Amino acid sequence: MFVSFTDWEFDGNIENAVENMKGFWPEMKKHGATNMRATVTGEKTLRTMTIWSSEEQMKANIDEIRAAAAKAVGMTTTDGMMGTIAVELE
């Protein structure tokens, strides 16, 4: 499994941010996203963690996905990273 982390800046209205992310989720799934979590990291910042079914598909589309997500949800990307999941514990 492959994961991406994206840092976002938004207007501080977490309820709107969550609703907007939910609305954009189907588009992300079209590109192979299987799970996404968002963490509030500051008054106007979030970090998302998205698990992808395919590293190749994600890498081929990540810039387009982030740009479309930013436009759709009204947030600005400030940083991002990606990698292979080393361990998953429950």
PDB file of N, CA and C in Angstrom:
ATOM      1  N   MET A   1       0.838  -1.188   0.000  1.00  0.00           N
ATOM      2  CA  MET A   1       0.000   0.000   0.000  1.00  0.00           C
ATOM      3  C   MET A   1       0.877   1.242   0.000  1.00  0.00           C
ATOM      4  N   PHE A   2       0.335   2.263  -0.563  1.00  0.00           N
ATOM      5  CA  PHE A   2       1.063   3.514  -0.712  1.00  0.00           C
ATOM      6  C   PHE A   2       0.255   4.622  -0.056  1.00  0.00           C
ATOM      7  N   VAL A   3       0.934   5.601   0.521  1.00  0.00           N
ATOM      8  CA  VAL A   3       0.247   6.666   1.250  1.00  0.00           C
ATOM      9  C   VAL A   3       0.790   8.031   0.842  1.00  0.00           C
ATOM     10  N   SER A   4      -0.090   9.019   0.848  1.00  0.00           N
ATOM     11  CA  SER A   4       0.345  10.406   0.658  1.00  0.00           C
ATOM     12  C   SER A   4      -0.137  11.228   1.846  1.00  0.00           C
ATOM     13  N   PHE A   5       0.687  12.182   2.232  1.00  0.00           N
ATOM     14  CA  PHE A   5       0.336  13.151   3.267  1.00  0.00           C
ATOM     15  C   PHE A   5       0.333  14.514   2.595  1.00  0.00           C
ATOM     16  N   THR A   6      -0.706  15.290   2.831  1.00  0.00           N
ATOM     17  CA  THR A   6      -0.782  16.629   2.258  1.00  0.00           C
ATOM     18  C   THR A   6      -1.156  17.610   3.354  1.00  0.00           C
ATOM     19  N   ASP A   7      -0.400  18.691   3.447  1.00  0.00           N
ATOM     20  CA  ASP A   7      -0.699  19.762   4.395  1.00  0.00           C
ATOM     21  C   ASP A   7      -1.490  20.834   3.666  1.00  0.00           C
ATOM     22  N   TRP A   8      -2.532  21.312   4.336  1.00  0.00           N
ATOM     23  CA  TRP A   8      -3.459  22.270   3.744  1.00  0.00           C
ATOM     24  C   TRP A   8      -3.637  23.476   4.652  1.00  0.00           C
ATOM     25  N   GLU A   9      -3.874  24.624   4.031  1.00  0.00           N
ATOM     26  CA  GLU A   9      -4.271  25.821   4.761  1.00  0.00           C
ATOM     27  C   GLU A   9      -5.699  26.142   4.318  1.00  0.00           C
ATOM     28  N   PHE A  10      -6.555  26.487   5.290  1.00  0.00           N
ATOM     29  CA  PHE A  10      -7.950  26.774   4.967  1.00  0.00           C
ATOM     30  C   PHE A  10      -8.436  27.937   5.824  1.00  0.00           C
ATOM     31  N   ASP A  11      -9.694  28.313   5.661  1.00  0.00           N
ATOM     32  CA  ASP A  11     -10.216  29.513   6.326  1.00  0.00           C
ATOM     33  C   ASP A  11     -10.508  29.345   7.813  1.00  0.00           C
ATOM     34  N   GLY A  12     -10.320  28.156   8.348  1.00  0.00           N
ATOM     35  CA  GLY A  12     -10.544  27.910   9.767  1.00  0.00           C
ATOM     36  C   GLY A  12     -11.901  27.310  10.085  1.00  0.00           C
ATOM     37  N   ASN A  13     -12.778  27.215   9.094  1.00  0.00           N
ATOM     38  CA  ASN A  13     -14.096  26.626   9.308  1.00  0.00           C
ATOM     39  C   ASN A  13     -13.999  25.124   9.055  1.00  0.00           C
ATOM     40  N   ILE A  14     -13.768  24.362  10.118  1.00  0.00           N
ATOM     41  CA  ILE A  14     -13.523  22.924   9.983  1.00  0.00           C
ATOM     42  C   ILE A  14     -14.755  22.187   9.457  1.00  0.00           C
ATOM     43  N   GLU A  15     -15.940  22.623   9.864  1.00  0.00           N
ATOM     44  CA  GLU A  15     -17.154  21.951   9.390  1.00  0.00           C
ATOM     45  C   GLU A  15     -17.270  22.044   7.867  1.00  0.00           C
ATOM     46  N   ASN A  16     -17.024  23.223   7.319  1.00  0.00           N
ATOM     47  CA  ASN A  16     -17.054  23.380   5.859  1.00  0.00           C
ATOM     48  C   ASN A  16     -15.957  22.565   5.193  1.00  0.00           C
ATOM     49  N   ALA A  17     -14.769  22.566   5.783  1.00  0.00           N
ATOM     50  CA  ALA A  17     -13.654  21.804   5.209  1.00  0.00           C
ATOM     51  C   ALA A  17     -14.002  20.322   5.137  1.00  0.00           C
ATOM     52  N   VAL A  18     -14.585  19.791   6.204  1.00  0.00           N
ATOM     53  CA  VAL A  18     -14.957  18.374   6.239  1.00  0.00           C
ATOM     54  C   VAL A  18     -16.017  18.077   5.176  1.00  0.00           C
ATOM     55  N   GLU A  19     -17.039  18.907   5.090  1.00  0.00           N
ATOM     56  CA  GLU A  19     -18.085  18.691   4.087  1.00  0.00           C
ATOM     57  C   GLU A  19     -17.519  18.759   2.672  1.00  0.00           C
ATOM     58  N   ASN A  20     -16.616  19.696   2.436  1.00  0.00           N
ATOM     59  CA  ASN A  20     -16.001  19.810   1.114  1.00  0.00           C
ATOM     60  C   ASN A  20     -15.146  18.593   0.789  1.00  0.00           C
ATOM     61  N   MET A  21     -14.409  18.076   1.785  1.00  0.00           N
ATOM     62  CA  MET A  21     -13.603  16.870   1.554  1.00  0.00           C
ATOM     63  C   MET A  21     -14.500  15.684   1.240  1.00  0.00           C
ATOM     64  N   LYS A  22     -15.594  15.556   1.965  1.00  0.00           N
ATOM     65  CA  LYS A  22     -16.544  14.470   1.693  1.00  0.00           C
ATOM     66  C   LYS A  22     -17.083  14.574   0.268  1.00  0.00           C
ATOM     67  N   GLY A  23     -17.354  15.791  -0.177  1.00  0.00           N
ATOM     68  CA  GLY A  23     -17.869  15.991  -1.526  1.00  0.00           C
ATOM     69  C   GLY A  23     -16.864  15.648  -2.613  1.00  0.00           C
ATOM     70  N   PHE A  24     -15.572  15.834  -2.328  1.00  0.00           N
ATOM     71  CA  PHE A  24     -14.533  15.550  -3.318  1.00  0.00           C
ATOM     72  C   PHE A  24     -14.072  14.090  -3.273  1.00  0.00           C
ATOM     73  N   TRP A  25     -14.425  13.362  -2.233  1.00  0.00           N
ATOM     74  CA  TRP A  25     -13.967  11.983  -2.045  1.00  0.00           C
ATOM     75  C   TRP A  25     -14.244  11.084  -3.259  1.00  0.00           C
ATOM     76  N   PRO A  26     -15.420  11.119  -3.868  1.00  0.00           N
ATOM     77  CA  PRO A  26     -15.646  10.258  -5.042  1.00  0.00           C
ATOM     78  C   PRO A  26     -14.628  10.487  -6.163  1.00  0.00           C
ATOM     79  N   GLU A  27     -14.213  11.720  -6.362  1.00  0.00           N
ATOM     80  CA  GLU A  27     -13.206  12.016  -7.389  1.00  0.00           C
ATOM     81  C   GLU A  27     -11.865  11.382  -7.033  1.00  0.00           C
ATOM     82  N   MET A  28     -11.506  11.419  -5.763  1.00  0.00           N
ATOM     83  CA  MET A  28     -10.247  10.804  -5.327  1.00  0.00           C
ATOM     84  C   MET A  28     -10.302   9.292  -5.508  1.00  0.00           C
ATOM     85  N   LYS A  29     -11.448   8.700  -5.214  1.00  0.00           N
ATOM     86  CA  LYS A  29     -11.594   7.251  -5.373  1.00  0.00           C
ATOM     87  C   LYS A  29     -11.407   6.832  -6.828  1.00  0.00           C
ATOM     88  N   LYS A  30     -11.811   7.693  -7.763  1.00  0.00           N
ATOM     89  CA  LYS A  30     -11.623   7.385  -9.185  1.00  0.00           C
ATOM     90  C   LYS A  30     -10.148   7.216  -9.526  1.00  0.00           C
ATOM     91  N   HIS A  31      -9.276   7.864  -8.763  1.00  0.00           N
ATOM     92  CA  HIS A  31      -7.833   7.794  -9.005  1.00  0.00           C
ATOM     93  C   HIS A  31      -7.149   6.758  -8.116  1.00  0.00           C
ATOM     94  N   GLY A  32      -7.927   5.928  -7.404  1.00  0.00           N
ATOM     95  CA  GLY A  32      -7.350   4.839  -6.633  1.00  0.00           C
ATOM     96  C   GLY A  32      -7.240   5.056  -5.138  1.00  0.00           C
ATOM     97  N   ALA A  33      -7.770   6.152  -4.612  1.00  0.00           N
ATOM     98  CA  ALA A  33      -7.747   6.363  -3.160  1.00  0.00           C
ATOM     99  C   ALA A  33      -8.684   5.354  -2.502  1.00  0.00           C
ATOM    100  N   THR A  34      -8.237   4.757  -1.398  1.00  0.00           N
ATOM    101  CA  THR A  34      -9.069   3.777  -0.703  1.00  0.00           C
ATOM    102  C   THR A  34      -9.448   4.221   0.703  1.00  0.00           C
ATOM    103  N   ASN A  35      -8.714   5.169   1.274  1.00  0.00           N
ATOM    104  CA  ASN A  35      -8.970   5.624   2.639  1.00  0.00           C
ATOM    105  C   ASN A  35      -8.344   7.000   2.805  1.00  0.00           C
ATOM    106  N   MET A  36      -9.037   7.887   3.511  1.00  0.00           N
ATOM    107  CA  MET A  36      -8.461   9.198   3.791  1.00  0.00           C
ATOM    108  C   MET A  36      -8.820   9.603   5.208  1.00  0.00           C
ATOM    109  N   ARG A  37      -7.863  10.215   5.872  1.00  0.00           N
ATOM    110  CA  ARG A  37      -8.079  10.780   7.202  1.00  0.00           C
ATOM    111  C   ARG A  37      -7.533  12.187   7.204  1.00  0.00           C
ATOM    112  N   ALA A  38      -8.175  13.057   7.967  1.00  0.00           N
ATOM    113  CA  ALA A  38      -7.715  14.442   8.071  1.00  0.00           C
ATOM    114  C   ALA A  38      -7.547  14.785   9.545  1.00  0.00           C
ATOM    115  N   THR A  39      -6.458  15.461   9.846  1.00  0.00           N
ATOM    116  CA  THR A  39      -6.146  15.878  11.207  1.00  0.00           C
ATOM    117  C   THR A  39      -6.019  17.389  11.242  1.00  0.00           C
ATOM    118  N   VAL A  40      -6.677  18.012  12.219  1.00  0.00           N
ATOM    119  CA  VAL A  40      -6.521  19.451  12.413  1.00  0.00           C
ATOM    120  C   VAL A  40      -5.167  19.669  13.078  1.00  0.00           C
ATOM    121  N   THR A  41      -4.302  20.436  12.434  1.00  0.00           N
ATOM    122  CA  THR A  41      -2.948  20.659  12.959  1.00  0.00           C
ATOM    123  C   THR A  41      -2.728  22.079  13.452  1.00  0.00           C
ATOM    124  N   GLY A  42      -3.700  22.946  13.248  1.00  0.00           N
ATOM    125  CA  GLY A  42      -3.606  24.334  13.697  1.00  0.00           C
ATOM    126  C   GLY A  42      -4.934  25.031  13.468  1.00  0.00           C
ATOM    127  N   GLU A  43      -5.012  26.305  13.817  1.00  0.00           N
ATOM    128  CA  GLU A  43      -6.263  27.056  13.650  1.00  0.00           C
ATOM    129  C   GLU A  43      -6.766  27.053  12.217  1.00  0.00           C
ATOM    130  N   LYS A  44      -5.833  27.091  11.276  1.00  0.00           N
ATOM    131  CA  LYS A  44      -6.205  27.148   9.860  1.00  0.00           C
ATOM    132  C   LYS A  44      -5.427  26.141   9.028  1.00  0.00           C
ATOM    133  N   THR A  45      -5.011  25.032   9.653  1.00  0.00           N
ATOM    134  CA  THR A  45      -4.241  24.027   8.919  1.00  0.00           C
ATOM    135  C   THR A  45      -4.758  22.623   9.194  1.00  0.00           C
ATOM    136  N   LEU A  46      -4.644  21.791   8.170  1.00  0.00           N
ATOM    137  CA  LEU A  46      -5.016  20.381   8.228  1.00  0.00           C
ATOM    138  C   LEU A  46      -3.912  19.558   7.592  1.00  0.00           C
ATOM    139  N   ARG A  47      -3.844  18.288   7.965  1.00  0.00           N
ATOM    140  CA  ARG A  47      -2.995  17.330   7.257  1.00  0.00           C
ATOM    141  C   ARG A  47      -3.865  16.136   6.902  1.00  0.00           C
ATOM    142  N   THR A  48      -3.851  15.780   5.622  1.00  0.00           N
ATOM    143  CA  THR A  48      -4.576  14.590   5.204  1.00  0.00           C
ATOM    144  C   THR A  48      -3.599  13.447   4.981  1.00  0.00           C
ATOM    145  N   MET A  49      -4.081  12.242   5.268  1.00  0.00           N
ATOM    146  CA  MET A  49      -3.350  11.014   4.981  1.00  0.00           C
ATOM    147  C   MET A  49      -4.270  10.184   4.103  1.00  0.00           C
ATOM    148  N   THR A  50      -3.807   9.880   2.908  1.00  0.00           N
ATOM    149  CA  THR A  50      -4.626   9.125   1.967  1.00  0.00           C
ATOM    150  C   THR A  50      -3.897   7.851   1.587  1.00  0.00           C
ATOM    151  N   ILE A  51      -4.608   6.734   1.662  1.00  0.00           N
ATOM    152  CA  ILE A  51      -4.059   5.447   1.240  1.00  0.00           C
ATOM    153  C   ILE A  51      -4.557   5.174  -0.174  1.00  0.00           C
ATOM    154  N   TRP A  52      -3.631   4.712  -1.002  1.00  0.00           N
ATOM    155  CA  TRP A  52      -3.899   4.493  -2.424  1.00  0.00           C
ATOM    156  C   TRP A  52      -3.713   3.022  -2.766  1.00  0.00           C
ATOM    157  N   SER A  53      -4.510   2.535  -3.709  1.00  0.00           N
ATOM    158  CA  SER A  53      -4.400   1.142  -4.140  1.00  0.00           C
ATOM    159  C   SER A  53      -3.194   0.914  -5.035  1.00  0.00           C
ATOM    160  N   SER A  54      -2.714   1.966  -5.679  1.00  0.00           N
ATOM    161  CA  SER A  54      -1.621   1.820  -6.639  1.00  0.00           C
ATOM    162  C   SER A  54      -0.658   2.997  -6.544  1.00  0.00           C
ATOM    163  N   GLU A  55       0.603   2.703  -6.285  1.00  0.00           N
ATOM    164  CA  GLU A  55       1.633   3.746  -6.258  1.00  0.00           C
ATOM    165  C   GLU A  55       1.741   4.428  -7.618  1.00  0.00           C
ATOM    166  N   GLU A  56       1.720   3.641  -8.671  1.00  0.00           N
ATOM    167  CA  GLU A  56       1.879   4.185 -10.016  1.00  0.00           C
ATOM    168  C   GLU A  56       0.728   5.121 -10.377  1.00  0.00           C
ATOM    169  N   GLN A  57      -0.489   4.684 -10.079  1.00  0.00           N
ATOM    170  CA  GLN A  57      -1.660   5.505 -10.391  1.00  0.00           C
ATOM    171  C   GLN A  57      -1.643   6.800  -9.583  1.00  0.00           C
ATOM    172  N   MET A  58      -1.284   6.710  -8.310  1.00  0.00           N
ATOM    173  CA  MET A  58      -1.231   7.895  -7.468  1.00  0.00           C
ATOM    174  C   MET A  58      -0.162   8.861  -7.963  1.00  0.00           C
ATOM    175  N   LYS A  59       1.028   8.355  -8.241  1.00  0.00           N
ATOM    176  CA  LYS A  59       2.115   9.227  -8.697  1.00  0.00           C
ATOM    177  C   LYS A  59       1.789   9.887 -10.033  1.00  0.00           C
ATOM    178  N   ALA A  60       1.090   9.179 -10.889  1.00  0.00           N
ATOM    179  CA  ALA A  60       0.738   9.732 -12.193  1.00  0.00           C
ATOM    180  C   ALA A  60      -0.299  10.846 -12.081  1.00  0.00           C
ATOM    181  N   ASN A  61      -1.054  10.855 -10.987  1.00  0.00           N
ATOM    182  CA  ASN A  61      -2.172  11.789 -10.873  1.00  0.00           C
ATOM    183  C   ASN A  61      -2.108  12.735  -9.683  1.00  0.00           C
ATOM    184  N   ILE A  62      -1.102  12.624  -8.800  1.00  0.00           N
ATOM    185  CA  ILE A  62      -1.115  13.362  -7.534  1.00  0.00           C
ATOM    186  C   ILE A  62      -1.180  14.875  -7.727  1.00  0.00           C
ATOM    187  N   ASP A  63      -0.427  15.425  -8.658  1.00  0.00           N
ATOM    188  CA  ASP A  63      -0.455  16.880  -8.850  1.00  0.00           C
ATOM    189  C   ASP A  63      -1.833  17.343  -9.315  1.00  0.00           C
ATOM    190  N   GLU A  64      -2.408  16.606 -10.247  1.00  0.00           N
ATOM    191  CA  GLU A  64      -3.747  16.927 -10.742  1.00  0.00           C
ATOM    192  C   GLU A  64      -4.785  16.781  -9.628  1.00  0.00           C
ATOM    193  N   ILE A  65      -4.668  15.723  -8.837  1.00  0.00           N
ATOM    194  CA  ILE A  65      -5.609  15.485  -7.741  1.00  0.00           C
ATOM    195  C   ILE A  65      -5.520  16.604  -6.710  1.00  0.00           C
ATOM    196  N   ARG A  66      -4.308  16.959  -6.306  1.00  0.00           N
ATOM    197  CA  ARG A  66      -4.146  18.020  -5.305  1.00  0.00           C
ATOM    198  C   ARG A  66      -4.672  19.355  -5.820  1.00  0.00           C
ATOM    199  N   ALA A  67      -4.404  19.665  -7.083  1.00  0.00           N
ATOM    200  CA  ALA A  67      -4.886  20.932  -7.651  1.00  0.00           C
ATOM    201  C   ALA A  67      -6.411  20.948  -7.722  1.00  0.00           C
ATOM    202  N   ALA A  68      -6.995  19.848  -8.171  1.00  0.00           N
ATOM    203  CA  ALA A  68      -8.455  19.775  -8.260  1.00  0.00           C
ATOM    204  C   ALA A  68      -9.090  19.807  -6.876  1.00  0.00           C
ATOM    205  N   ALA A  69      -8.471  19.123  -5.928  1.00  0.00           N
ATOM    206  CA  ALA A  69      -8.989  19.127  -4.554  1.00  0.00           C
ATOM    207  C   ALA A  69      -8.924  20.523  -3.966  1.00  0.00           C
ATOM    208  N   ALA A  70      -7.819  21.206  -4.175  1.00  0.00           N
ATOM    209  CA  ALA A  70      -7.668  22.564  -3.649  1.00  0.00           C
ATOM    210  C   ALA A  70      -8.754  23.475  -4.205  1.00  0.00           C
ATOM    211  N   LYS A  71      -9.013  23.350  -5.491  1.00  0.00           N
ATOM    212  CA  LYS A  71     -10.046  24.178  -6.122  1.00  0.00           C
ATOM    213  C   LYS A  71     -11.433  23.800  -5.607  1.00  0.00           C
ATOM    214  N   ALA A  72     -11.693  22.504  -5.489  1.00  0.00           N
ATOM    215  CA  ALA A  72     -13.019  22.027  -5.084  1.00  0.00           C
ATOM    216  C   ALA A  72     -13.339  22.337  -3.627  1.00  0.00           C
ATOM    217  N   VAL A  73     -12.346  22.256  -2.767  1.00  0.00           N
ATOM    218  CA  VAL A  73     -12.616  22.422  -1.333  1.00  0.00           C
ATOM    219  C   VAL A  73     -12.161  23.769  -0.798  1.00  0.00           C
ATOM    220  N   GLY A  74     -11.592  24.609  -1.650  1.00  0.00           N
ATOM    221  CA  GLY A  74     -11.218  25.954  -1.228  1.00  0.00           C
ATOM    222  C   GLY A  74     -10.071  26.013  -0.239  1.00  0.00           C
ATOM    223  N   MET A  75      -9.127  25.089  -0.366  1.00  0.00           N
ATOM    224  CA  MET A  75      -7.963  25.079   0.514  1.00  0.00           C
ATOM    225  C   MET A  75      -6.699  25.190  -0.330  1.00  0.00           C
ATOM    226  N   THR A  76      -5.597  25.544   0.302  1.00  0.00           N
ATOM    227  CA  THR A  76      -4.319  25.690  -0.379  1.00  0.00           C
ATOM    228  C   THR A  76      -3.357  24.618   0.113  1.00  0.00           C
ATOM    229  N   THR A  77      -2.711  23.921  -0.816  1.00  0.00           N
ATOM    230  CA  THR A  77      -1.691  22.940  -0.453  1.00  0.00           C
ATOM    231  C   THR A  77      -0.437  23.672  -0.013  1.00  0.00           C
ATOM    232  N   THR A  78       0.113  23.289   1.144  1.00  0.00           N
ATOM    233  CA  THR A  78       1.338  23.924   1.624  1.00  0.00           C
ATOM    234  C   THR A  78       2.530  22.984   1.637  1.00  0.00           C
ATOM    235  N   ASP A  79       2.284  21.677   1.653  1.00  0.00           N
ATOM    236  CA  ASP A  79       3.381  20.706   1.660  1.00  0.00           C
ATOM    237  C   ASP A  79       2.795  19.329   1.385  1.00  0.00           C
ATOM    238  N   GLY A  80       3.639  18.388   1.039  1.00  0.00           N
ATOM    239  CA  GLY A  80       3.190  17.025   0.825  1.00  0.00           C
ATOM    240  C   GLY A  80       4.353  16.068   0.752  1.00  0.00           C
ATOM    241  N   MET A  81       4.057  14.832   1.080  1.00  0.00           N
ATOM    242  CA  MET A  81       5.049  13.768   0.969  1.00  0.00           C
ATOM    243  C   MET A  81       4.313  12.466   0.732  1.00  0.00           C
ATOM    244  N   MET A  82       5.048  11.447   0.312  1.00  0.00           N
ATOM    245  CA  MET A  82       4.441  10.157   0.026  1.00  0.00           C
ATOM    246  C   MET A  82       5.440   9.045   0.268  1.00  0.00           C
ATOM    247  N   GLY A  83       4.918   7.830   0.437  1.00  0.00           N
ATOM    248  CA  GLY A  83       5.792   6.692   0.636  1.00  0.00           C
ATOM    249  C   GLY A  83       5.014   5.403   0.802  1.00  0.00           C
ATOM    250  N   THR A  84       5.750   4.319   0.919  1.00  0.00           N
ATOM    251  CA  THR A  84       5.169   3.000   1.113  1.00  0.00           C
ATOM    252  C   THR A  84       4.904   2.778   2.593  1.00  0.00           C
ATOM    253  N   ILE A  85       3.765   2.193   2.906  1.00  0.00           N
ATOM    254  CA  ILE A  85       3.439   1.890   4.299  1.00  0.00           C
ATOM    255  C   ILE A  85       4.349   0.760   4.765  1.00  0.00           C
ATOM    256  N   ALA A  86       5.073   1.002   5.845  1.00  0.00           N
ATOM    257  CA  ALA A  86       6.019   0.017   6.368  1.00  0.00           C
ATOM    258  C   ALA A  86       5.346  -0.981   7.303  1.00  0.00           C
ATOM    259  N   VAL A  87       4.376  -0.518   8.090  1.00  0.00           N
ATOM    260  CA  VAL A  87       3.678  -1.400   9.019  1.00  0.00           C
ATOM    261  C   VAL A  87       2.309  -0.807   9.316  1.00  0.00           C
ATOM    262  N   GLU A  88       1.340  -1.679   9.511  1.00  0.00           N
ATOM    263  CA  GLU A  88      -0.001  -1.252   9.904  1.00  0.00           C
ATOM    264  C   GLU A  88      -0.410  -2.094  11.099  1.00  0.00           C
ATOM    265  N   LEU A  89      -0.721  -1.443  12.200  1.00  0.00           N
ATOM    266  CA  LEU A  89      -1.073  -2.136  13.439  1.00  0.00           C
ATOM    267  C   LEU A  89      -2.503  -1.796  13.837  1.00  0.00           C
ATOM    268  N   GLU A  90      -3.191  -2.740  14.414  1.00  0.00           N
ATOM    269  CA  GLU A  90      -4.549  -2.490  14.915  1.00  0.00           C
ATOM    270  C   GLU A  90      -4.641  -2.934  16.348  1.00  0.00           C
TER     271      GLU A  90
END
